[in-house]
N, C-alpha and C. Protein backbone atom coordinates (compact mmCIF):
# COMPACT_ATOMS: atom_id res chain seq x y z
N MET A 1 3.14 -27.35 16.21
CA MET A 1 1.97 -26.51 16.52
C MET A 1 0.81 -26.93 15.62
N ASP A 2 -0.32 -27.24 16.25
CA ASP A 2 -1.51 -27.63 15.49
C ASP A 2 -2.38 -26.39 15.29
N LEU A 3 -2.51 -25.96 14.05
CA LEU A 3 -3.28 -24.76 13.72
C LEU A 3 -4.68 -25.09 13.20
N SER A 4 -5.00 -26.37 13.11
CA SER A 4 -6.25 -26.76 12.46
C SER A 4 -7.49 -26.24 13.19
N GLY A 5 -7.38 -26.01 14.50
CA GLY A 5 -8.55 -25.54 15.24
C GLY A 5 -8.60 -24.04 15.42
N LEU A 6 -7.62 -23.32 14.88
CA LEU A 6 -7.62 -21.86 15.00
C LEU A 6 -8.55 -21.26 13.96
N ARG A 7 -9.66 -20.72 14.40
CA ARG A 7 -10.59 -20.12 13.45
C ARG A 7 -11.51 -19.16 14.19
N GLU A 8 -12.11 -18.26 13.46
CA GLU A 8 -13.10 -17.33 13.98
C GLU A 8 -14.38 -17.49 13.16
N GLU A 9 -15.51 -17.34 13.83
CA GLU A 9 -16.80 -17.33 13.12
C GLU A 9 -17.15 -15.88 12.85
N TYR A 10 -17.15 -15.50 11.57
CA TYR A 10 -17.42 -14.11 11.21
C TYR A 10 -18.92 -13.84 11.22
N GLY A 11 -19.29 -12.65 11.66
CA GLY A 11 -20.71 -12.34 11.69
C GLY A 11 -21.02 -10.89 11.97
N ARG A 12 -20.06 -10.00 11.67
CA ARG A 12 -20.28 -8.59 11.97
C ARG A 12 -21.24 -7.92 11.00
N GLY A 13 -21.41 -8.48 9.81
CA GLY A 13 -22.29 -7.83 8.84
C GLY A 13 -22.26 -8.55 7.52
N GLY A 14 -22.88 -7.93 6.52
CA GLY A 14 -22.91 -8.50 5.18
C GLY A 14 -22.70 -7.41 4.15
N LEU A 15 -22.63 -7.82 2.89
CA LEU A 15 -22.42 -6.88 1.80
C LEU A 15 -23.21 -7.36 0.59
N ASP A 16 -24.07 -6.48 0.08
CA ASP A 16 -24.89 -6.83 -1.08
C ASP A 16 -24.84 -5.68 -2.08
N LEU A 17 -25.34 -5.92 -3.28
CA LEU A 17 -25.26 -4.92 -4.35
C LEU A 17 -25.81 -3.56 -3.95
N PRO A 18 -26.94 -3.48 -3.24
CA PRO A 18 -27.44 -2.15 -2.86
C PRO A 18 -26.51 -1.38 -1.93
N ASP A 19 -25.56 -2.09 -1.28
CA ASP A 19 -24.62 -1.43 -0.38
C ASP A 19 -23.48 -0.72 -1.13
N LEU A 20 -23.30 -1.05 -2.40
CA LEU A 20 -22.17 -0.53 -3.15
C LEU A 20 -22.47 0.83 -3.77
N THR A 21 -21.41 1.61 -3.95
CA THR A 21 -21.51 2.85 -4.73
C THR A 21 -21.22 2.50 -6.20
N ASP A 22 -21.58 3.40 -7.11
CA ASP A 22 -21.31 3.15 -8.52
C ASP A 22 -19.81 3.14 -8.81
N ASP A 23 -19.06 3.94 -8.06
CA ASP A 23 -17.62 4.08 -8.28
C ASP A 23 -16.86 3.32 -7.20
N PRO A 24 -15.93 2.42 -7.56
CA PRO A 24 -15.24 1.62 -6.55
C PRO A 24 -14.30 2.43 -5.66
N ILE A 25 -13.73 3.53 -6.17
CA ILE A 25 -12.87 4.35 -5.33
C ILE A 25 -13.68 5.00 -4.22
N GLU A 26 -14.86 5.46 -4.56
CA GLU A 26 -15.75 6.02 -3.54
C GLU A 26 -16.10 4.97 -2.49
N MET A 27 -16.34 3.73 -2.95
CA MET A 27 -16.64 2.64 -2.02
C MET A 27 -15.43 2.36 -1.14
N PHE A 28 -14.24 2.36 -1.73
CA PHE A 28 -13.03 2.13 -0.95
C PHE A 28 -12.85 3.22 0.11
N GLU A 29 -13.04 4.46 -0.28
CA GLU A 29 -12.87 5.56 0.67
C GLU A 29 -13.88 5.45 1.81
N ARG A 30 -15.06 4.97 1.52
CA ARG A 30 -16.07 4.78 2.58
C ARG A 30 -15.58 3.74 3.58
N TRP A 31 -15.09 2.60 3.08
CA TRP A 31 -14.61 1.55 3.98
C TRP A 31 -13.35 1.99 4.72
N LEU A 32 -12.45 2.73 4.04
CA LEU A 32 -11.26 3.22 4.71
C LEU A 32 -11.63 4.16 5.85
N GLN A 33 -12.57 5.05 5.62
CA GLN A 33 -13.00 5.97 6.68
C GLN A 33 -13.61 5.20 7.84
N GLN A 34 -14.38 4.15 7.56
CA GLN A 34 -14.95 3.34 8.63
C GLN A 34 -13.85 2.63 9.43
N SER A 35 -12.77 2.24 8.75
CA SER A 35 -11.64 1.63 9.45
C SER A 35 -10.94 2.64 10.35
N VAL A 36 -10.80 3.86 9.86
CA VAL A 36 -10.21 4.93 10.68
C VAL A 36 -11.11 5.21 11.89
N ASP A 37 -12.41 5.34 11.64
CA ASP A 37 -13.36 5.64 12.72
C ASP A 37 -13.40 4.54 13.77
N ALA A 38 -13.14 3.29 13.35
CA ALA A 38 -13.16 2.15 14.27
C ALA A 38 -11.87 2.06 15.09
N GLY A 39 -10.89 2.92 14.79
CA GLY A 39 -9.65 2.93 15.54
C GLY A 39 -8.68 1.82 15.18
N LEU A 40 -8.78 1.27 13.97
CA LEU A 40 -7.87 0.21 13.57
C LEU A 40 -6.43 0.73 13.53
N HIS A 41 -5.50 -0.13 13.91
CA HIS A 41 -4.08 0.23 13.87
C HIS A 41 -3.64 0.33 12.41
N GLU A 42 -3.10 1.47 12.02
CA GLU A 42 -2.61 1.72 10.67
C GLU A 42 -3.58 1.21 9.59
N PRO A 43 -4.76 1.81 9.51
CA PRO A 43 -5.73 1.36 8.52
C PRO A 43 -5.28 1.56 7.08
N ASN A 44 -4.26 2.39 6.87
CA ASN A 44 -3.74 2.60 5.51
C ASN A 44 -2.59 1.65 5.18
N ALA A 45 -2.30 0.70 6.06
CA ALA A 45 -1.29 -0.32 5.75
C ALA A 45 -1.85 -1.29 4.72
N MET A 46 -1.02 -1.64 3.74
CA MET A 46 -1.47 -2.54 2.69
C MET A 46 -0.34 -3.47 2.28
N VAL A 47 -0.71 -4.66 1.85
CA VAL A 47 0.25 -5.59 1.27
C VAL A 47 0.40 -5.25 -0.20
N LEU A 48 1.62 -4.99 -0.63
CA LEU A 48 1.92 -4.75 -2.04
C LEU A 48 2.59 -5.98 -2.61
N ALA A 49 1.98 -6.58 -3.61
CA ALA A 49 2.56 -7.75 -4.28
C ALA A 49 3.06 -7.35 -5.66
N THR A 50 4.31 -7.69 -5.93
CA THR A 50 4.92 -7.43 -7.23
C THR A 50 5.48 -8.74 -7.76
N ALA A 51 5.97 -8.72 -8.99
CA ALA A 51 6.57 -9.91 -9.58
C ALA A 51 7.63 -9.51 -10.58
N THR A 52 8.62 -10.37 -10.75
CA THR A 52 9.64 -10.15 -11.77
C THR A 52 9.02 -10.36 -13.14
N PRO A 53 9.70 -9.96 -14.22
CA PRO A 53 9.19 -10.23 -15.56
C PRO A 53 8.96 -11.72 -15.82
N GLU A 54 9.68 -12.58 -15.06
CA GLU A 54 9.51 -14.02 -15.22
C GLU A 54 8.36 -14.56 -14.38
N GLY A 55 7.73 -13.68 -13.58
CA GLY A 55 6.57 -14.10 -12.79
C GLY A 55 6.90 -14.55 -11.38
N ARG A 56 8.10 -14.33 -10.90
CA ARG A 56 8.45 -14.71 -9.53
C ARG A 56 7.94 -13.63 -8.57
N PRO A 57 7.00 -13.97 -7.67
CA PRO A 57 6.34 -12.94 -6.86
C PRO A 57 7.08 -12.61 -5.57
N SER A 58 6.76 -11.44 -5.03
CA SER A 58 7.19 -11.06 -3.69
C SER A 58 6.14 -10.10 -3.13
N SER A 59 6.08 -10.00 -1.81
CA SER A 59 5.10 -9.09 -1.20
C SER A 59 5.68 -8.50 0.07
N ARG A 60 5.11 -7.36 0.47
CA ARG A 60 5.54 -6.67 1.68
C ARG A 60 4.47 -5.65 2.07
N MET A 61 4.54 -5.18 3.32
CA MET A 61 3.62 -4.16 3.78
C MET A 61 4.20 -2.78 3.47
N VAL A 62 3.35 -1.91 2.93
CA VAL A 62 3.69 -0.50 2.73
C VAL A 62 2.49 0.33 3.18
N LEU A 63 2.65 1.64 3.19
CA LEU A 63 1.56 2.52 3.62
C LEU A 63 0.97 3.27 2.44
N LEU A 64 -0.34 3.22 2.32
CA LEU A 64 -1.06 4.02 1.34
C LEU A 64 -0.96 5.49 1.76
N LYS A 65 -0.53 6.36 0.83
CA LYS A 65 -0.38 7.76 1.15
C LYS A 65 -1.26 8.67 0.32
N GLY A 66 -2.11 8.10 -0.50
CA GLY A 66 -3.05 8.90 -1.27
C GLY A 66 -3.97 7.99 -2.04
N VAL A 67 -5.21 8.43 -2.21
CA VAL A 67 -6.17 7.67 -3.02
C VAL A 67 -7.15 8.66 -3.61
N GLY A 68 -7.53 8.42 -4.86
CA GLY A 68 -8.46 9.29 -5.55
C GLY A 68 -8.88 8.65 -6.86
N PRO A 69 -9.60 9.38 -7.69
CA PRO A 69 -10.09 8.82 -8.95
C PRO A 69 -8.99 8.26 -9.85
N ASP A 70 -7.76 8.80 -9.68
CA ASP A 70 -6.66 8.35 -10.55
C ASP A 70 -5.87 7.20 -9.96
N GLY A 71 -6.21 6.72 -8.75
CA GLY A 71 -5.55 5.53 -8.23
C GLY A 71 -5.03 5.65 -6.82
N PHE A 72 -4.16 4.69 -6.45
CA PHE A 72 -3.62 4.52 -5.11
C PHE A 72 -2.14 4.89 -5.11
N VAL A 73 -1.70 5.69 -4.15
CA VAL A 73 -0.35 6.25 -4.15
C VAL A 73 0.44 5.73 -2.95
N PHE A 74 1.69 5.33 -3.20
CA PHE A 74 2.63 5.01 -2.12
C PHE A 74 4.02 5.47 -2.54
N PHE A 75 4.93 5.55 -1.55
CA PHE A 75 6.28 6.06 -1.77
C PHE A 75 7.30 5.03 -1.28
N THR A 76 8.47 5.02 -1.93
CA THR A 76 9.50 4.06 -1.56
C THR A 76 10.81 4.40 -2.25
N ASN A 77 11.85 3.66 -1.92
CA ASN A 77 13.11 3.72 -2.65
C ASN A 77 12.92 2.95 -3.96
N GLN A 78 13.10 3.60 -5.07
CA GLN A 78 12.83 2.97 -6.36
C GLN A 78 13.91 1.97 -6.77
N ALA A 79 15.03 1.94 -6.03
CA ALA A 79 16.04 0.92 -6.27
C ALA A 79 15.87 -0.29 -5.36
N SER A 80 14.81 -0.29 -4.55
CA SER A 80 14.50 -1.44 -3.70
C SER A 80 14.00 -2.60 -4.56
N ARG A 81 13.77 -3.74 -3.92
CA ARG A 81 13.28 -4.89 -4.69
C ARG A 81 11.95 -4.57 -5.35
N LYS A 82 11.03 -3.95 -4.60
CA LYS A 82 9.73 -3.65 -5.20
C LYS A 82 9.88 -2.67 -6.36
N GLY A 83 10.79 -1.71 -6.21
CA GLY A 83 11.00 -0.73 -7.26
C GLY A 83 11.56 -1.35 -8.53
N THR A 84 12.55 -2.22 -8.36
CA THR A 84 13.14 -2.86 -9.54
C THR A 84 12.15 -3.82 -10.20
N GLU A 85 11.33 -4.49 -9.40
CA GLU A 85 10.33 -5.38 -9.98
C GLU A 85 9.26 -4.60 -10.73
N LEU A 86 8.84 -3.46 -10.18
CA LEU A 86 7.85 -2.65 -10.88
C LEU A 86 8.42 -2.04 -12.16
N ALA A 87 9.71 -1.78 -12.18
CA ALA A 87 10.33 -1.26 -13.39
C ALA A 87 10.29 -2.30 -14.51
N GLY A 88 10.43 -3.58 -14.14
CA GLY A 88 10.42 -4.63 -15.14
C GLY A 88 9.04 -5.19 -15.43
N ASN A 89 8.12 -5.02 -14.49
CA ASN A 89 6.76 -5.56 -14.63
C ASN A 89 5.84 -4.68 -13.79
N PRO A 90 5.16 -3.71 -14.39
CA PRO A 90 4.37 -2.75 -13.61
C PRO A 90 3.05 -3.30 -13.06
N HIS A 91 2.68 -4.53 -13.42
CA HIS A 91 1.44 -5.11 -12.90
C HIS A 91 1.65 -5.51 -11.44
N CYS A 92 0.71 -5.15 -10.59
CA CYS A 92 0.86 -5.41 -9.16
C CYS A 92 -0.50 -5.58 -8.52
N ALA A 93 -0.49 -5.93 -7.23
CA ALA A 93 -1.73 -6.10 -6.47
C ALA A 93 -1.57 -5.50 -5.09
N LEU A 94 -2.66 -4.99 -4.54
CA LEU A 94 -2.71 -4.44 -3.19
C LEU A 94 -3.73 -5.22 -2.38
N LEU A 95 -3.48 -5.34 -1.08
CA LEU A 95 -4.43 -5.98 -0.18
C LEU A 95 -4.52 -5.17 1.10
N PHE A 96 -5.73 -4.78 1.47
CA PHE A 96 -5.99 -4.07 2.72
C PHE A 96 -6.66 -5.05 3.68
N PRO A 97 -5.94 -5.50 4.73
CA PRO A 97 -6.48 -6.52 5.64
C PRO A 97 -7.08 -5.91 6.90
N TRP A 98 -8.34 -5.56 6.85
CA TRP A 98 -8.99 -4.93 7.99
C TRP A 98 -9.67 -6.01 8.85
N HIS A 99 -8.83 -6.80 9.54
CA HIS A 99 -9.31 -7.98 10.26
C HIS A 99 -10.37 -7.68 11.32
N PRO A 100 -10.20 -6.62 12.16
CA PRO A 100 -11.20 -6.40 13.21
C PRO A 100 -12.61 -6.15 12.66
N LEU A 101 -12.71 -5.64 11.43
CA LEU A 101 -14.01 -5.42 10.81
C LEU A 101 -14.44 -6.59 9.93
N GLU A 102 -13.60 -7.67 9.92
CA GLU A 102 -13.87 -8.86 9.11
C GLU A 102 -14.02 -8.47 7.64
N ARG A 103 -13.10 -7.60 7.20
CA ARG A 103 -13.14 -7.10 5.84
C ARG A 103 -11.75 -7.16 5.22
N GLN A 104 -11.74 -7.25 3.90
CA GLN A 104 -10.52 -7.00 3.15
C GLN A 104 -10.90 -6.41 1.79
N VAL A 105 -9.97 -5.67 1.23
CA VAL A 105 -10.13 -5.14 -0.13
C VAL A 105 -8.92 -5.56 -0.93
N ARG A 106 -9.16 -6.15 -2.08
CA ARG A 106 -8.12 -6.54 -3.01
C ARG A 106 -8.15 -5.61 -4.22
N VAL A 107 -6.97 -5.19 -4.67
CA VAL A 107 -6.85 -4.30 -5.83
C VAL A 107 -5.85 -4.91 -6.80
N GLU A 108 -6.19 -4.96 -8.07
CA GLU A 108 -5.24 -5.36 -9.11
C GLU A 108 -5.12 -4.20 -10.09
N GLY A 109 -3.88 -3.88 -10.47
CA GLY A 109 -3.71 -2.74 -11.36
C GLY A 109 -2.30 -2.62 -11.89
N THR A 110 -1.99 -1.44 -12.38
CA THR A 110 -0.70 -1.15 -13.00
C THR A 110 -0.10 0.08 -12.33
N ALA A 111 1.17 -0.02 -11.97
CA ALA A 111 1.86 1.07 -11.27
C ALA A 111 2.69 1.89 -12.25
N SER A 112 2.70 3.19 -12.03
CA SER A 112 3.57 4.09 -12.80
C SER A 112 4.23 5.07 -11.84
N PRO A 113 5.48 5.47 -12.11
CA PRO A 113 6.19 6.39 -11.21
C PRO A 113 5.51 7.75 -11.16
N LEU A 114 5.57 8.38 -10.00
CA LEU A 114 5.07 9.73 -9.82
C LEU A 114 6.08 10.75 -10.32
N GLY A 115 5.59 11.94 -10.64
CA GLY A 115 6.46 13.02 -11.06
C GLY A 115 7.27 13.57 -9.90
N ALA A 116 8.38 14.24 -10.24
CA ALA A 116 9.31 14.76 -9.24
C ALA A 116 8.64 15.75 -8.29
N GLU A 117 7.72 16.56 -8.79
CA GLU A 117 7.09 17.58 -7.94
C GLU A 117 6.22 16.93 -6.86
N GLU A 118 5.46 15.90 -7.24
CA GLU A 118 4.62 15.21 -6.26
C GLU A 118 5.46 14.46 -5.25
N VAL A 119 6.55 13.85 -5.71
CA VAL A 119 7.46 13.14 -4.82
C VAL A 119 8.08 14.10 -3.80
N ALA A 120 8.56 15.25 -4.28
CA ALA A 120 9.20 16.22 -3.38
C ALA A 120 8.22 16.77 -2.35
N ALA A 121 6.99 17.02 -2.78
CA ALA A 121 6.00 17.56 -1.85
C ALA A 121 5.74 16.60 -0.71
N TYR A 122 5.63 15.31 -1.02
CA TYR A 122 5.41 14.34 0.06
C TYR A 122 6.68 14.16 0.90
N PHE A 123 7.84 14.04 0.24
CA PHE A 123 9.09 13.82 0.98
C PHE A 123 9.30 14.90 2.03
N HIS A 124 9.04 16.14 1.68
CA HIS A 124 9.29 17.23 2.61
C HIS A 124 8.19 17.36 3.68
N SER A 125 7.11 16.59 3.54
CA SER A 125 6.09 16.55 4.59
C SER A 125 6.42 15.51 5.66
N ARG A 126 7.40 14.66 5.39
CA ARG A 126 7.76 13.59 6.33
C ARG A 126 8.55 14.16 7.52
N PRO A 127 8.55 13.46 8.66
CA PRO A 127 9.42 13.87 9.77
C PRO A 127 10.88 13.89 9.31
N ARG A 128 11.65 14.79 9.89
CA ARG A 128 13.04 14.94 9.43
C ARG A 128 13.81 13.62 9.59
N GLY A 129 13.55 12.90 10.66
CA GLY A 129 14.24 11.63 10.86
C GLY A 129 14.00 10.65 9.72
N ALA A 130 12.76 10.62 9.22
CA ALA A 130 12.44 9.74 8.09
C ALA A 130 13.14 10.22 6.82
N GLN A 131 13.27 11.52 6.66
CA GLN A 131 13.99 12.06 5.50
C GLN A 131 15.46 11.65 5.56
N LEU A 132 16.06 11.77 6.72
CA LEU A 132 17.45 11.38 6.87
C LEU A 132 17.62 9.87 6.68
N GLY A 133 16.65 9.11 7.17
CA GLY A 133 16.70 7.66 7.02
C GLY A 133 16.68 7.24 5.56
N ALA A 134 15.97 8.00 4.73
CA ALA A 134 15.94 7.68 3.30
C ALA A 134 17.32 7.84 2.67
N TRP A 135 18.12 8.77 3.17
CA TRP A 135 19.50 8.92 2.70
C TRP A 135 20.40 7.83 3.27
N ALA A 136 20.11 7.38 4.49
CA ALA A 136 21.00 6.42 5.17
C ALA A 136 20.81 4.99 4.69
N SER A 137 19.63 4.66 4.18
CA SER A 137 19.31 3.26 3.87
C SER A 137 19.28 3.00 2.38
N ALA A 138 20.13 2.08 1.91
CA ALA A 138 20.07 1.57 0.54
C ALA A 138 19.10 0.39 0.55
N GLN A 139 17.83 0.69 0.53
CA GLN A 139 16.77 -0.27 0.83
C GLN A 139 16.89 -1.55 0.01
N SER A 140 16.71 -2.68 0.69
CA SER A 140 16.70 -4.03 0.13
C SER A 140 18.09 -4.58 -0.20
N ARG A 141 19.13 -3.76 -0.03
CA ARG A 141 20.47 -4.25 -0.33
C ARG A 141 21.19 -4.67 0.95
N PRO A 142 22.11 -5.64 0.87
CA PRO A 142 22.78 -6.14 2.07
C PRO A 142 23.48 -5.03 2.85
N VAL A 143 23.44 -5.14 4.17
CA VAL A 143 24.12 -4.18 5.04
C VAL A 143 24.89 -5.00 6.08
N ALA A 144 26.08 -4.55 6.43
CA ALA A 144 26.98 -5.36 7.26
C ALA A 144 26.43 -5.60 8.66
N SER A 145 25.80 -4.59 9.25
CA SER A 145 25.35 -4.72 10.64
C SER A 145 24.41 -3.58 10.98
N ARG A 146 23.77 -3.71 12.15
CA ARG A 146 22.93 -2.61 12.65
C ARG A 146 23.78 -1.37 12.90
N SER A 147 25.01 -1.58 13.39
CA SER A 147 25.87 -0.43 13.66
C SER A 147 26.26 0.29 12.37
N ALA A 148 26.35 -0.46 11.26
CA ALA A 148 26.63 0.18 9.98
C ALA A 148 25.48 1.09 9.55
N LEU A 149 24.25 0.65 9.84
CA LEU A 149 23.08 1.51 9.56
C LEU A 149 23.12 2.77 10.42
N ALA A 150 23.45 2.59 11.70
CA ALA A 150 23.52 3.74 12.61
C ALA A 150 24.59 4.73 12.14
N GLU A 151 25.71 4.21 11.65
CA GLU A 151 26.76 5.08 11.15
C GLU A 151 26.31 5.85 9.90
N ALA A 152 25.58 5.17 9.03
CA ALA A 152 25.06 5.82 7.82
C ALA A 152 24.08 6.93 8.19
N PHE A 153 23.25 6.67 9.22
CA PHE A 153 22.30 7.70 9.66
C PHE A 153 23.06 8.89 10.26
N ALA A 154 24.09 8.59 11.03
CA ALA A 154 24.89 9.68 11.64
C ALA A 154 25.55 10.53 10.55
N ARG A 155 25.99 9.89 9.47
CA ARG A 155 26.60 10.66 8.37
C ARG A 155 25.55 11.56 7.70
N ALA A 156 24.31 11.04 7.58
CA ALA A 156 23.24 11.86 7.00
C ALA A 156 22.93 13.05 7.90
N GLU A 157 22.91 12.82 9.22
CA GLU A 157 22.70 13.93 10.18
C GLU A 157 23.80 14.96 10.06
N GLU A 158 25.04 14.49 9.96
CA GLU A 158 26.17 15.42 9.85
C GLU A 158 26.10 16.21 8.55
N ARG A 159 25.66 15.55 7.47
CA ARG A 159 25.62 16.19 6.16
C ARG A 159 24.51 17.23 6.07
N PHE A 160 23.32 16.89 6.59
CA PHE A 160 22.15 17.74 6.39
C PHE A 160 21.67 18.44 7.66
N GLY A 161 22.20 18.04 8.82
CA GLY A 161 21.73 18.63 10.07
C GLY A 161 20.63 17.79 10.69
N GLY A 162 20.65 17.70 12.00
CA GLY A 162 19.72 16.81 12.67
C GLY A 162 18.39 17.42 13.04
N ASP A 163 18.22 18.74 12.87
CA ASP A 163 16.91 19.31 13.20
C ASP A 163 16.46 20.25 12.10
N ASP A 164 15.20 20.68 12.20
CA ASP A 164 14.57 21.44 11.12
C ASP A 164 15.25 22.79 10.86
N ARG A 165 15.97 23.31 11.83
CA ARG A 165 16.63 24.61 11.66
C ARG A 165 17.82 24.53 10.72
N ALA A 166 18.24 23.30 10.39
CA ALA A 166 19.42 23.13 9.54
C ALA A 166 19.10 23.32 8.06
N GLY A 167 17.82 23.45 7.72
CA GLY A 167 17.45 23.63 6.32
C GLY A 167 16.84 22.39 5.72
N GLU A 168 16.44 22.52 4.47
CA GLU A 168 15.70 21.45 3.80
C GLU A 168 16.61 20.29 3.42
N VAL A 169 16.11 19.06 3.64
CA VAL A 169 16.81 17.86 3.20
C VAL A 169 16.38 17.57 1.76
N PRO A 170 17.31 17.46 0.82
CA PRO A 170 16.90 17.17 -0.57
C PRO A 170 16.38 15.75 -0.72
N VAL A 171 15.60 15.54 -1.75
CA VAL A 171 15.08 14.20 -2.03
C VAL A 171 16.22 13.33 -2.55
N PRO A 172 16.44 12.15 -1.96
CA PRO A 172 17.49 11.27 -2.48
C PRO A 172 17.21 10.87 -3.93
N PRO A 173 18.24 10.67 -4.73
CA PRO A 173 18.02 10.39 -6.16
C PRO A 173 17.25 9.11 -6.43
N GLU A 174 17.31 8.12 -5.53
CA GLU A 174 16.62 6.85 -5.76
C GLU A 174 15.23 6.82 -5.15
N TRP A 175 14.84 7.88 -4.44
CA TRP A 175 13.59 7.85 -3.69
C TRP A 175 12.46 8.40 -4.56
N GLY A 176 11.30 7.74 -4.52
CA GLY A 176 10.18 8.20 -5.34
C GLY A 176 8.87 7.59 -4.91
N GLY A 177 7.92 7.56 -5.82
CA GLY A 177 6.61 7.02 -5.50
C GLY A 177 5.93 6.47 -6.73
N TYR A 178 4.79 5.83 -6.50
CA TYR A 178 4.04 5.18 -7.57
C TYR A 178 2.55 5.44 -7.40
N ARG A 179 1.88 5.44 -8.52
CA ARG A 179 0.42 5.45 -8.52
C ARG A 179 -0.07 4.16 -9.17
N VAL A 180 -0.90 3.42 -8.45
CA VAL A 180 -1.47 2.18 -8.98
C VAL A 180 -2.85 2.49 -9.52
N VAL A 181 -3.01 2.37 -10.83
CA VAL A 181 -4.31 2.56 -11.47
C VAL A 181 -5.03 1.21 -11.47
N PRO A 182 -6.17 1.11 -10.80
CA PRO A 182 -6.81 -0.20 -10.64
C PRO A 182 -7.62 -0.64 -11.86
N ASP A 183 -7.59 -1.94 -12.09
CA ASP A 183 -8.46 -2.58 -13.08
C ASP A 183 -9.53 -3.41 -12.40
N VAL A 184 -9.21 -3.90 -11.18
CA VAL A 184 -10.11 -4.78 -10.43
C VAL A 184 -10.06 -4.36 -8.97
N LEU A 185 -11.21 -4.26 -8.32
CA LEU A 185 -11.30 -4.06 -6.87
C LEU A 185 -12.32 -5.03 -6.31
N GLU A 186 -11.90 -5.81 -5.34
CA GLU A 186 -12.81 -6.77 -4.69
C GLU A 186 -13.02 -6.37 -3.24
N PHE A 187 -14.28 -6.28 -2.85
CA PHE A 187 -14.68 -5.98 -1.47
C PHE A 187 -15.18 -7.27 -0.83
N TRP A 188 -14.53 -7.65 0.26
CA TRP A 188 -14.78 -8.94 0.92
C TRP A 188 -15.27 -8.69 2.33
N GLN A 189 -16.41 -9.28 2.67
CA GLN A 189 -16.97 -9.17 4.02
C GLN A 189 -17.19 -10.56 4.56
N GLY A 190 -16.62 -10.85 5.73
CA GLY A 190 -16.78 -12.16 6.34
C GLY A 190 -18.23 -12.44 6.73
N ARG A 191 -18.64 -13.69 6.53
CA ARG A 191 -19.99 -14.13 6.91
C ARG A 191 -19.91 -15.48 7.63
N ARG A 192 -20.99 -15.83 8.31
CA ARG A 192 -21.04 -17.09 9.04
C ARG A 192 -20.89 -18.29 8.11
N SER A 193 -20.35 -19.36 8.66
CA SER A 193 -20.19 -20.63 7.94
C SER A 193 -19.33 -20.48 6.70
N ARG A 194 -18.48 -19.48 6.70
CA ARG A 194 -17.56 -19.22 5.57
C ARG A 194 -18.30 -18.89 4.27
N MET A 195 -19.53 -18.42 4.37
CA MET A 195 -20.28 -18.00 3.20
C MET A 195 -20.08 -16.49 3.01
N HIS A 196 -18.83 -16.12 2.79
CA HIS A 196 -18.44 -14.72 2.75
C HIS A 196 -19.03 -14.00 1.53
N ASP A 197 -19.17 -12.69 1.67
CA ASP A 197 -19.59 -11.84 0.54
C ASP A 197 -18.35 -11.35 -0.19
N ARG A 198 -18.35 -11.54 -1.52
CA ARG A 198 -17.25 -11.08 -2.36
C ARG A 198 -17.86 -10.36 -3.57
N LEU A 199 -17.75 -9.05 -3.59
CA LEU A 199 -18.29 -8.26 -4.69
C LEU A 199 -17.13 -7.55 -5.39
N VAL A 200 -17.10 -7.69 -6.71
CA VAL A 200 -15.94 -7.27 -7.50
C VAL A 200 -16.34 -6.26 -8.55
N TYR A 201 -15.57 -5.17 -8.61
CA TYR A 201 -15.67 -4.19 -9.71
C TYR A 201 -14.58 -4.52 -10.74
N ARG A 202 -14.95 -4.57 -12.02
CA ARG A 202 -13.98 -4.74 -13.09
C ARG A 202 -14.19 -3.63 -14.12
N ARG A 203 -13.10 -3.10 -14.63
CA ARG A 203 -13.21 -2.05 -15.64
C ARG A 203 -13.95 -2.58 -16.86
N ALA A 204 -14.89 -1.76 -17.35
CA ALA A 204 -15.68 -2.11 -18.54
C ALA A 204 -15.85 -0.84 -19.34
N GLY A 205 -14.96 -0.62 -20.30
CA GLY A 205 -15.00 0.62 -21.06
C GLY A 205 -14.69 1.81 -20.16
N ALA A 206 -15.58 2.80 -20.18
CA ALA A 206 -15.37 3.99 -19.36
C ALA A 206 -15.92 3.82 -17.95
N GLY A 207 -16.56 2.67 -17.69
CA GLY A 207 -17.17 2.47 -16.37
C GLY A 207 -16.70 1.18 -15.72
N TRP A 208 -17.58 0.62 -14.88
CA TRP A 208 -17.25 -0.57 -14.11
C TRP A 208 -18.39 -1.57 -14.17
N ALA A 209 -18.06 -2.83 -14.27
CA ALA A 209 -19.02 -3.92 -14.14
C ALA A 209 -18.84 -4.55 -12.77
N ILE A 210 -19.94 -4.96 -12.15
CA ILE A 210 -19.90 -5.54 -10.81
C ILE A 210 -20.44 -6.96 -10.86
N GLU A 211 -19.74 -7.86 -10.16
CA GLU A 211 -20.23 -9.24 -10.07
C GLU A 211 -19.94 -9.79 -8.68
N ARG A 212 -20.69 -10.81 -8.32
CA ARG A 212 -20.48 -11.50 -7.04
C ARG A 212 -19.70 -12.78 -7.32
N LEU A 213 -18.72 -13.08 -6.45
CA LEU A 213 -17.95 -14.31 -6.55
C LEU A 213 -18.34 -15.25 -5.42
N ALA A 214 -18.25 -16.53 -5.69
CA ALA A 214 -18.47 -17.53 -4.63
C ALA A 214 -17.34 -17.41 -3.61
N PRO A 215 -17.64 -17.62 -2.32
CA PRO A 215 -16.61 -17.48 -1.30
C PRO A 215 -15.58 -18.62 -1.36
């Protein structure tokens, strides 16, 4: 397959210093809302990149479930590969690929586990099937077959009940969440002739410094 000719000419807009807010989280929330308003599929989907203490990287898609002045929140099985890597090396990166708007946002920061109360509040807001699935799946670990997964889910249904009338499903012991406190946020807007706009916020004391990067 020859991919050399696969390309798009970007030209939906531009990004300059007067377009930015003083606070990068506010700027992120503005772009996220515009992605929602544009009808993008799963605009809160993000690539989470982690690494082992030795620097061996891995990445995967997860869903952003909260954002505010204190950082970016997501939930997962903490015994998964991403969880074990964050336990050994909390430095990580996020990428929001909003292709239809010719935009992306890059985040670099440090992840810390959420408290039990915040984890439980989100877990119990999930659909019951997702709650049962968290009990059925030992995320990232080998499983014999699809039928073995189905059997594990059936055991979770039998244990906790398959519908909401059966009572509350407890939070699995390995299940939790993280908050990524950002140090760097880059806002990228595609431009013609690959002369893209790249504006970066970096922590500077109690505030943020902004600079433009070459595309």
